[in-house]
PDB file of N, CA and C in Angstrom:
ATOM      1  N   MET A   1     -18.236   1.266  14.614  1.00  0.00           N
ATOM      2  CA  MET A   1     -17.258   2.500  14.545  1.00  0.00           C
ATOM      3  C   MET A   1     -18.263   3.445  15.717  1.00  0.00           C
ATOM      4  N   ILE A   2     -17.664   3.956  16.761  1.00  0.00           N
ATOM      5  CA  ILE A   2     -18.088   4.737  17.706  1.00  0.00           C
ATOM      6  C   ILE A   2     -17.309   5.864  18.277  1.00  0.00           C
ATOM      7  N   ALA A   3     -17.691   6.904  18.763  1.00  0.00           N
ATOM      8  CA  ALA A   3     -16.736   7.792  19.288  1.00  0.00           C
ATOM      9  C   ALA A   3     -15.791   7.080  20.011  1.00  0.00           C
ATOM     10  N   GLY A   4     -14.437   7.696  19.992  1.00  0.00           N
ATOM     11  CA  GLY A   4     -13.353   7.111  20.691  1.00  0.00           C
ATOM     12  C   GLY A   4     -12.700   6.297  19.995  1.00  0.00           C
ATOM     13  N   ASP A   5     -13.112   5.442  19.160  1.00  0.00           N
ATOM     14  CA  ASP A   5     -12.210   4.632  18.442  1.00  0.00           C
ATOM     15  C   ASP A   5     -11.037   5.068  17.889  1.00  0.00           C
ATOM     16  N   VAL A   6     -10.200   4.531  17.443  1.00  0.00           N
ATOM     17  CA  VAL A   6      -9.141   5.096  16.580  1.00  0.00           C
ATOM     18  C   VAL A   6      -9.001   4.165  15.393  1.00  0.00           C
ATOM     19  N   VAL A   7      -9.173   5.205  14.471  1.00  0.00           N
ATOM     20  CA  VAL A   7      -9.247   4.410  12.996  1.00  0.00           C
ATOM     21  C   VAL A   7      -8.247   4.798  11.818  1.00  0.00           C
ATOM     22  N   ALA A   8      -8.223   4.133  10.954  1.00  0.00           N
ATOM     23  CA  ALA A   8      -7.386   4.386   9.614  1.00  0.00           C
ATOM     24  C   ALA A   8      -8.778   4.668   8.422  1.00  0.00           C
ATOM     25  N   VAL A   9      -9.020   5.764   7.926  1.00  0.00           N
ATOM     26  CA  VAL A   9      -9.776   6.068   7.091  1.00  0.00           C
ATOM     27  C   VAL A   9      -9.324   6.256   5.725  1.00  0.00           C
ATOM     28  N   HIS A  10      -9.522   5.279   4.947  1.00  0.00           N
ATOM     29  CA  HIS A  10      -9.077   5.439   3.306  1.00  0.00           C
ATOM     30  C   HIS A  10     -10.249   6.259   2.410  1.00  0.00           C
ATOM     31  N   ILE A  11      -9.971   7.391   1.996  1.00  0.00           N
ATOM     32  CA  ILE A  11     -10.793   8.163   1.286  1.00  0.00           C
ATOM     33  C   ILE A  11     -10.273   8.528   0.085  1.00  0.00           C
ATOM     34  N   TYR A  12     -11.300   8.744  -0.755  1.00  0.00           N
ATOM     35  CA  TYR A  12     -10.976   9.837  -1.857  1.00  0.00           C
ATOM     36  C   TYR A  12     -10.841  11.331  -1.581  1.00  0.00           C
ATOM     37  N   ASP A  13     -10.152  12.230  -2.026  1.00  0.00           N
ATOM     38  CA  ASP A  13     -10.122  13.653  -1.805  1.00  0.00           C
ATOM     39  C   ASP A  13      -9.627  14.363  -2.835  1.00  0.00           C
ATOM     40  N   HIS A  14     -10.499  15.519  -3.124  1.00  0.00           N
ATOM     41  CA  HIS A  14     -10.228  16.260  -4.003  1.00  0.00           C
ATOM     42  C   HIS A  14      -8.977  17.010  -4.442  1.00  0.00           C
ATOM     43  N   VAL A  15      -8.675  17.258  -5.489  1.00  0.00           N
ATOM     44  CA  VAL A  15      -7.241  17.787  -6.058  1.00  0.00           C
ATOM     45  C   VAL A  15      -7.401  18.898  -6.789  1.00  0.00           C
ATOM     46  N   GLU A  16      -6.611  19.972  -6.042  1.00  0.00           N
ATOM     47  CA  GLU A  16      -7.043  21.606  -6.784  1.00  0.00           C
ATOM     48  C   GLU A  16      -6.041  21.537  -7.988  1.00  0.00           C
ATOM     49  N   ASP A  17      -6.537  21.818  -9.172  1.00  0.00           N
ATOM     50  CA  ASP A  17      -5.921  21.705 -10.435  1.00  0.00           C
ATOM     51  C   ASP A  17      -5.662  20.409 -10.691  1.00  0.00           C
ATOM     52  N   GLY A  18      -6.206  19.404 -10.582  1.00  0.00           N
ATOM     53  CA  GLY A  18      -5.855  18.122 -10.905  1.00  0.00           C
ATOM     54  C   GLY A  18      -6.950  17.628 -11.614  1.00  0.00           C
ATOM     55  N   ASP A  19      -7.148  16.586 -12.443  1.00  0.00           N
ATOM     56  CA  ASP A  19      -8.106  15.829 -13.048  1.00  0.00           C
ATOM     57  C   ASP A  19      -8.874  14.854 -12.588  1.00  0.00           C
ATOM     58  N   ARG A  20      -8.625  14.409 -11.386  1.00  0.00           N
ATOM     59  CA  ARG A  20      -9.445  13.590 -10.495  1.00  0.00           C
ATOM     60  C   ARG A  20      -9.159  13.343  -9.064  1.00  0.00           C
ATOM     61  N   ALA A  21      -9.914  13.090  -8.325  1.00  0.00           N
ATOM     62  CA  ALA A  21      -9.837  12.766  -6.856  1.00  0.00           C
ATOM     63  C   ALA A  21      -8.478  11.672  -6.555  1.00  0.00           C
ATOM     64  N   GLU A  22      -7.819  11.979  -5.517  1.00  0.00           N
ATOM     65  CA  GLU A  22      -6.709  10.991  -5.094  1.00  0.00           C
ATOM     66  C   GLU A  22      -6.953  10.278  -4.064  1.00  0.00           C
ATOM     67  N   GLU A  23      -6.523   8.995  -3.658  1.00  0.00           N
ATOM     68  CA  GLU A  23      -6.584   8.012  -2.655  1.00  0.00           C
ATOM     69  C   GLU A  23      -5.696   8.798  -1.328  1.00  0.00           C
ATOM     70  N   PHE A  24      -6.419   8.721  -0.103  1.00  0.00           N
ATOM     71  CA  PHE A  24      -5.441   9.268   1.087  1.00  0.00           C
ATOM     72  C   PHE A  24      -6.021   8.370   2.172  1.00  0.00           C
ATOM     73  N   ILE A  25      -5.230   8.186   3.134  1.00  0.00           N
ATOM     74  CA  ILE A  25      -5.676   7.674   4.413  1.00  0.00           C
ATOM     75  C   ILE A  25      -5.610   8.559   5.396  1.00  0.00           C
ATOM     76  N   VAL A  26      -6.429   8.876   6.302  1.00  0.00           N
ATOM     77  CA  VAL A  26      -6.482   9.810   7.545  1.00  0.00           C
ATOM     78  C   VAL A  26      -6.462   8.865   8.821  1.00  0.00           C
ATOM     79  N   TYR A  27      -5.538   9.108   9.808  1.00  0.00           N
ATOM     80  CA  TYR A  27      -5.729   8.478  10.815  1.00  0.00           C
ATOM     81  C   TYR A  27      -6.273   9.316  11.963  1.00  0.00           C
ATOM     82  N   GLY A  28      -7.031   8.871  12.988  1.00  0.00           N
ATOM     83  CA  GLY A  28      -7.435   9.653  14.231  1.00  0.00           C
ATOM     84  C   GLY A  28      -8.442   9.003  15.102  1.00  0.00           C
ATOM     85  N   ARG A  29      -8.879   9.670  16.243  1.00  0.00           N
ATOM     86  CA  ARG A  29      -9.892   9.428  17.062  1.00  0.00           C
ATOM     87  C   ARG A  29     -11.192   9.954  16.684  1.00  0.00           C
ATOM     88  N   VAL A  30     -12.144   9.115  16.427  1.00  0.00           N
ATOM     89  CA  VAL A  30     -13.437   9.213  15.859  1.00  0.00           C
ATOM     90  C   VAL A  30     -14.088  10.366  17.200  1.00  0.00           C
ATOM     91  N   VAL A  31     -14.663  11.421  16.668  1.00  0.00           N
ATOM     92  CA  VAL A  31     -15.447  12.254  17.429  1.00  0.00           C
ATOM     93  C   VAL A  31     -16.776  12.106  17.361  1.00  0.00           C
ATOM     94  N   GLU A  32     -17.463  11.853  16.158  1.00  0.00           N
ATOM     95  CA  GLU A  32     -18.816  11.894  16.030  1.00  0.00           C
ATOM     96  C   GLU A  32     -18.943  11.049  14.429  1.00  0.00           C
ATOM     97  N   VAL A  33     -20.174  10.162  14.618  1.00  0.00           N
ATOM     98  CA  VAL A  33     -20.636   9.823  13.401  1.00  0.00           C
ATOM     99  C   VAL A  33     -22.056  10.083  13.008  1.00  0.00           C
ATOM    100  N   THR A  34     -22.352  10.648  11.757  1.00  0.00           N
ATOM    101  CA  THR A  34     -23.844  11.092  11.436  1.00  0.00           C
ATOM    102  C   THR A  34     -23.983  10.209  10.051  1.00  0.00           C
ATOM    103  N   ASP A  35     -25.372  10.348   9.579  1.00  0.00           N
ATOM    104  CA  ASP A  35     -25.649   9.652   8.414  1.00  0.00           C
ATOM    105  C   ASP A  35     -24.512  10.312   7.506  1.00  0.00           C
ATOM    106  N   LYS A  36     -24.246  11.590   7.138  1.00  0.00           N
ATOM    107  CA  LYS A  36     -23.356  11.924   6.020  1.00  0.00           C
ATOM    108  C   LYS A  36     -21.905  12.248   6.472  1.00  0.00           C
ATOM    109  N   GLU A  37     -21.602  12.168   7.453  1.00  0.00           N
ATOM    110  CA  GLU A  37     -20.151  12.378   7.824  1.00  0.00           C
ATOM    111  C   GLU A  37     -19.450  11.453   9.190  1.00  0.00           C
ATOM    112  N   ILE A  38     -18.072  11.539   9.074  1.00  0.00           N
ATOM    113  CA  ILE A  38     -17.530  10.801  10.068  1.00  0.00           C
ATOM    114  C   ILE A  38     -16.585  11.957  10.598  1.00  0.00           C
ATOM    115  N   VAL A  39     -16.655  12.366  11.692  1.00  0.00           N
ATOM    116  CA  VAL A  39     -15.540  13.345  12.369  1.00  0.00           C
ATOM    117  C   VAL A  39     -14.453  12.767  13.195  1.00  0.00           C
ATOM    118  N   ILE A  40     -13.136  13.250  12.695  1.00  0.00           N
ATOM    119  CA  ILE A  40     -11.955  12.559  13.609  1.00  0.00           C
ATOM    120  C   ILE A  40     -11.156  13.832  14.079  1.00  0.00           C
ATOM    121  N   ASP A  41     -10.465  13.428  14.905  1.00  0.00           N
ATOM    122  CA  ASP A  41      -9.332  14.153  15.419  1.00  0.00           C
ATOM    123  C   ASP A  41      -8.051  13.474  14.971  1.00  0.00           C
ATOM    124  N   SER A  42      -7.420  14.243  14.454  1.00  0.00           N
ATOM    125  CA  SER A  42      -5.985  13.432  14.043  1.00  0.00           C
ATOM    126  C   SER A  42      -4.640  14.162  15.061  1.00  0.00           C
ATOM    127  N   TRP A  43      -5.242  15.194  15.672  1.00  0.00           N
ATOM    128  CA  TRP A  43      -4.072  15.626  16.587  1.00  0.00           C
ATOM    129  C   TRP A  43      -5.059  16.172  17.778  1.00  0.00           C
ATOM    130  N   GLU A  44      -4.794  15.832  19.176  1.00  0.00           N
ATOM    131  CA  GLU A  44      -5.798  16.238  20.199  1.00  0.00           C
ATOM    132  C   GLU A  44      -4.987  16.062  21.498  1.00  0.00           C
ATOM    133  N   TYR A  45      -5.472  16.812  22.549  1.00  0.00           N
ATOM    134  CA  TYR A  45      -4.665  16.790  23.567  1.00  0.00           C
ATOM    135  C   TYR A  45      -4.901  15.244  24.504  1.00  0.00           C
ATOM    136  N   ALA A  46      -3.831  14.879  25.270  1.00  0.00           N
ATOM    137  CA  ALA A  46      -3.912  13.581  25.911  1.00  0.00           C
ATOM    138  C   ALA A  46      -5.055  13.609  26.667  1.00  0.00           C
ATOM    139  N   ASP A  47      -5.468  14.971  27.589  1.00  0.00           N
ATOM    140  CA  ASP A  47      -6.708  14.816  28.377  1.00  0.00           C
ATOM    141  C   ASP A  47      -7.832  14.915  27.674  1.00  0.00           C
ATOM    142  N   PHE A  48      -8.535  13.869  27.253  1.00  0.00           N
ATOM    143  CA  PHE A  48      -9.795  13.753  26.655  1.00  0.00           C
ATOM    144  C   PHE A  48     -10.887  14.621  27.202  1.00  0.00           C
ATOM    145  N   ASN A  49     -10.744  14.900  28.328  1.00  0.00           N
ATOM    146  CA  ASN A  49     -11.719  15.732  29.119  1.00  0.00           C
ATOM    147  C   ASN A  49     -11.844  17.229  28.626  1.00  0.00           C
ATOM    148  N   LYS A  50     -10.337  17.827  28.215  1.00  0.00           N
ATOM    149  CA  LYS A  50     -10.482  19.336  27.430  1.00  0.00           C
ATOM    150  C   LYS A  50     -11.360  19.487  26.467  1.00  0.00           C
ATOM    151  N   PRO A  51     -12.026  20.531  26.368  1.00  0.00           N
ATOM    152  CA  PRO A  51     -12.764  20.908  25.275  1.00  0.00           C
ATOM    153  C   PRO A  51     -12.040  21.220  24.020  1.00  0.00           C
ATOM    154  N   TYR A  52     -12.668  21.040  22.939  1.00  0.00           N
ATOM    155  CA  TYR A  52     -11.833  21.099  21.503  1.00  0.00           C
ATOM    156  C   TYR A  52     -11.435  22.360  21.659  1.00  0.00           C
ATOM    157  N   ASP A  53     -10.081  22.352  21.220  1.00  0.00           N
ATOM    158  CA  ASP A  53      -9.289  23.506  21.002  1.00  0.00           C
ATOM    159  C   ASP A  53      -8.681  23.887  19.381  1.00  0.00           C
ATOM    160  N   THR A  54      -8.249  25.063  19.256  1.00  0.00           N
ATOM    161  CA  THR A  54      -7.670  25.242  17.935  1.00  0.00           C
ATOM    162  C   THR A  54      -6.469  24.727  17.523  1.00  0.00           C
ATOM    163  N   ASN A  55      -5.838  24.068  18.573  1.00  0.00           N
ATOM    164  CA  ASN A  55      -4.552  23.610  18.427  1.00  0.00           C
ATOM    165  C   ASN A  55      -4.530  22.232  17.946  1.00  0.00           C
ATOM    166  N   GLU A  56      -6.056  21.588  18.187  1.00  0.00           N
ATOM    167  CA  GLU A  56      -6.318  20.071  17.795  1.00  0.00           C
ATOM    168  C   GLU A  56      -6.437  20.196  16.107  1.00  0.00           C
ATOM    169  N   LYS A  57      -6.422  19.233  15.410  1.00  0.00           N
ATOM    170  CA  LYS A  57      -6.570  19.160  14.053  1.00  0.00           C
ATOM    171  C   LYS A  57      -7.743  18.035  14.096  1.00  0.00           C
ATOM    172  N   ARG A  58      -9.239  18.712  13.537  1.00  0.00           N
ATOM    173  CA  ARG A  58     -10.370  17.983  13.216  1.00  0.00           C
ATOM    174  C   ARG A  58     -10.772  17.990  11.823  1.00  0.00           C
ATOM    175  N   TRP A  59     -11.382  16.754  11.254  1.00  0.00           N
ATOM    176  CA  TRP A  59     -11.639  16.480  10.220  1.00  0.00           C
ATOM    177  C   TRP A  59     -12.936  15.895   9.950  1.00  0.00           C
ATOM    178  N   GLY A  60     -13.809  16.620   9.151  1.00  0.00           N
ATOM    179  CA  GLY A  60     -14.828  16.277   8.700  1.00  0.00           C
ATOM    180  C   GLY A  60     -14.989  15.458   7.559  1.00  0.00           C
ATOM    181  N   ILE A  61     -15.256  14.161   7.399  1.00  0.00           N
ATOM    182  CA  ILE A  61     -15.046  13.387   5.978  1.00  0.00           C
ATOM    183  C   ILE A  61     -16.273  12.783   5.759  1.00  0.00           C
ATOM    184  N   LEU A  62     -16.860  13.282   4.503  1.00  0.00           N
ATOM    185  CA  LEU A  62     -17.916  12.810   3.969  1.00  0.00           C
ATOM    186  C   LEU A  62     -18.197  10.937   3.859  1.00  0.00           C
ATOM    187  N   ARG A  63     -19.064  10.667   3.858  1.00  0.00           N
ATOM    188  CA  ARG A  63     -19.263   9.248   3.797  1.00  0.00           C
ATOM    189  C   ARG A  63     -19.117   8.832   2.582  1.00  0.00           C
ATOM    190  N   ALA A  64     -19.776   9.361   1.506  1.00  0.00           N
ATOM    191  CA  ALA A  64     -19.749   9.272   0.009  1.00  0.00           C
ATOM    192  C   ALA A  64     -18.084   9.115  -0.378  1.00  0.00           C
ATOM    193  N   ALA A  65     -17.241   9.548   0.388  1.00  0.00           N
ATOM    194  CA  ALA A  65     -15.796   9.769   0.028  1.00  0.00           C
ATOM    195  C   ALA A  65     -15.007   8.495   0.696  1.00  0.00           C
ATOM    196  N   VAL A  66     -15.647   7.861   1.420  1.00  0.00           N
ATOM    197  CA  VAL A  66     -15.022   6.840   2.126  1.00  0.00           C
ATOM    198  C   VAL A  66     -14.915   5.227   1.506  1.00  0.00           C
ATOM    199  N   ILE A  67     -13.815   5.002   1.230  1.00  0.00           N
ATOM    200  CA  ILE A  67     -13.267   3.783   0.690  1.00  0.00           C
ATOM    201  C   ILE A  67     -13.556   2.504   1.451  1.00  0.00           C
ATOM    202  N   SER A  68     -12.696   2.869   2.706  1.00  0.00           N
ATOM    203  CA  SER A  68     -13.003   1.658   3.731  1.00  0.00           C
ATOM    204  C   SER A  68     -12.494   2.469   5.114  1.00  0.00           C
ATOM    205  N   ILE A  69     -12.588   1.958   6.141  1.00  0.00           N
ATOM    206  CA  ILE A  69     -12.426   2.232   7.767  1.00  0.00           C
ATOM    207  C   ILE A  69     -11.978   0.797   8.237  1.00  0.00           C
ATOM    208  N   LYS A  70     -10.361   1.315   9.084  1.00  0.00           N
ATOM    209  CA  LYS A  70     -10.092   0.126   9.604  1.00  0.00           C
ATOM    210  C   LYS A  70     -10.030   0.696  11.256  1.00  0.00           C
ATOM    211  N   GLN A  71     -10.669  -0.061  11.942  1.00  0.00           N
ATOM    212  CA  GLN A  71     -10.866   0.010  13.335  1.00  0.00           C
ATOM    213  C   GLN A  71      -9.276  -0.128  13.857  1.00  0.00           C
ATOM    214  N   LEU A  72      -8.711   0.631  14.370  1.00  0.00           N
ATOM    215  CA  LEU A  72      -7.070   0.429  15.071  1.00  0.00           C
ATOM    216  C   LEU A  72      -7.286   0.007  16.488  1.00  0.00           C
ATOM    217  N   VAL A  73      -8.062   0.654  17.201  1.00  0.00           N
ATOM    218  CA  VAL A  73      -7.982   0.715  18.613  1.00  0.00           C
ATOM    219  C   VAL A  73      -9.606   1.088  19.257  1.00  0.00           C
ATOM    220  N   GLU A  74     -10.075   0.434  20.237  1.00  0.00           N
ATOM    221  CA  GLU A  74     -11.384   0.750  20.704  1.00  0.00           C
ATOM    222  C   GLU A  74     -11.141   1.644  21.950  1.00  0.00           C
ATOM    223  N   THR A  75     -12.068   2.017  22.533  1.00  0.00           N
ATOM    224  CA  THR A  75     -11.996   2.773  23.587  1.00  0.00           C
ATOM    225  C   THR A  75     -12.548   1.979  24.820  1.00  0.00           C
TER     226      THR A  75
END
């Protein structure tokens, strides 16, 4: 998995006022991969050369919360 790949990330996420974490799937384009997290944009401009804007939706996902990652499209 590298920047630009489109992925489905199956994760555990916290639940406010809940007893345990819930499972979710986040779909998006990989922005960055580090030792601790995976950053993806789930809503971005079609022109990939535009700088990140607050109209886009970006998620930082802790690797410890990842159950699995499925690569959907390569760049």
